[in-house]
Every structure is written in C-alpha cells, then in structure tokens.
Amino acid sequence: MEHYMMNLTLKVWKQKNSKSAGDFETYSVKDISSEMSFLEMFDVLNEQLIHDGRDPIAFDHDCREGICGSCSMYINGRPHGPWKGTTVCQLHMRAFNDGDTIVVEPWRANAFPVIKDLVVDRSAFDRIIQAGGYVSVNTGVTVDGNATPIEKGHADKAFAAAACIGCGACVAACKNSSALLFLSAKVSHLGLLPQGAPEKDTRAINMVAQMDKEGFGACTNTGACEAVCPKEISITNIARLNGDYLVAGLTADKNYK
C-alpha cells in the first residue's frame, strides 16, 4: 500500500462545557502520514497546540482497538467517519486526500450532553443497562460451558448482538436520537440465551422505560443506525425487542417493575 504525506484543514467543535455555547475552530496540520489513525492525527495536533500554549482538543479514547466505543466523533457528517463498520480509532488517514477539509463534531443528542469539545456524557447508556441488562444467577462453582445446550442459531444471533460496544453512533445518526438499536442489542444478546430467559419480560419493560426516561427519541425505521454502526448490529434486533416488549406488556408481573 502506497504511503504518502498530507496537509489538512480541520474544523473542530470547541465547547467548554454543556452550559457554554460552542463553535468551530479551524486548525492546520501538516506532514500527516496516510498510515496514521485518525486519533494519532489528533495526537499530533494536540502536541502542536500544547507547544504553542493553546488549549488542546478534548476527545475520548481508551483501547484504540475498536473495542471500547469511546472514540465517538462525527466526521464529515457521518458518525465514526467514512469507512463502514469502523470506529474512529480504526479509521486511517488514507481515507482522506491531501488538502482536504475535515469537519469534526461531537454526538448531537440531548441525552448525550457535551462535557467538553468532542467528549459527551454517555452515562445514559449505563443507566439503561442497570435497569435490566443483566442476568441473576446463583453463585458458587462455575458451571461448565457445555452444561446448558443452546441452539446454534440462537447462539449466533446472541453473539452478533453482544458485539455492540455502546458507542452511541446509532443515536447520533438517528433523526430522533433513538437508542433502540443499542437497547435491542442488549436485550437480544441476553434474551436469546437460556440464562437470560427468566427475566426476559421485566428486562424489556424496565430497559425501555429507562430509555424513555433518559430522553431518547422513538424509532421510525429509517435504518440510519444500522448503516453507521461500527459493529454492524442488525435492526432485526429492534423487531425482536418490539415483539418481546409487546408480550411482556401482556404477561409480565407488574410488581417487578
């Protein structure tokens, strides 16, 4: 693969905190390698800003391996940038051309308030998980992995849903800021397995109620969430959640709410 250097113009959203007004600031970066990751390019820019005595750009990151979901940026109008099925930390600068102008923004959703610059508070997702995204099991000796037979089709679907990293790209892409793709993935990966069956009804009811409480919008099935998901979670999970929620509303013990 050909390696080349590029000069770029960045228009980056700068905002002191959730209560302050923000605006774009323009930066120039030079001699950026096409083989750098997008976050490495930001590292170079921040080193330059610190050297010049200016405020560096705040952005979230952790694993830089496409696992943690914290590298959440809106790049040129698309969550996580132009490559399909890719997080920002896996996006390489060869996705852009020398002389390009790149616009970088934080997630735009009321449920994800800006902490600073490109960092948003995604703790609403944590509260949705706390509302029901778990299984209750007896403690003691570890159960053998093959002790509970699981149909392969269900196991595969559960595994695919469990790939969700909770980055929030689905919310950022949705015109209603809906969290249903995230929520449905969490409900599916537990509900499709026998270990998650006892709490299947209350899980759906409680997690949907918490999602509504957090201020996320409704789903209108445009598919934008699936299109930008870095783990390519299927919207069939939303259909499964809708079915689970309907059944739960008819049969679940309301005392468990």
Foldseek 3Di string as FASTA:
>chain_A
DDKDFAKEKEFFWWAQALPGDIGTDIDIDGRHIQAAAQVVSLVRVQVVQVVVVHDRADADDDPLPQAQLRRWKQKPNATQDDDWLDHRSRHGNVVDDHYYYIYIAAQDDPLFGGGTGNGTDLCLLVVLCVQALDFDDDDDDDDDPPPDDADPVLQVLLVLLVSQNSNQSLLSQDPQSACLLNLLSSLSNQCSDPRNVVCSLSSLVRSVVSRVVSPGGDDPPPCRSLRRRSSNRDCVSSVVSVVSNVVSVVDPDPVSD
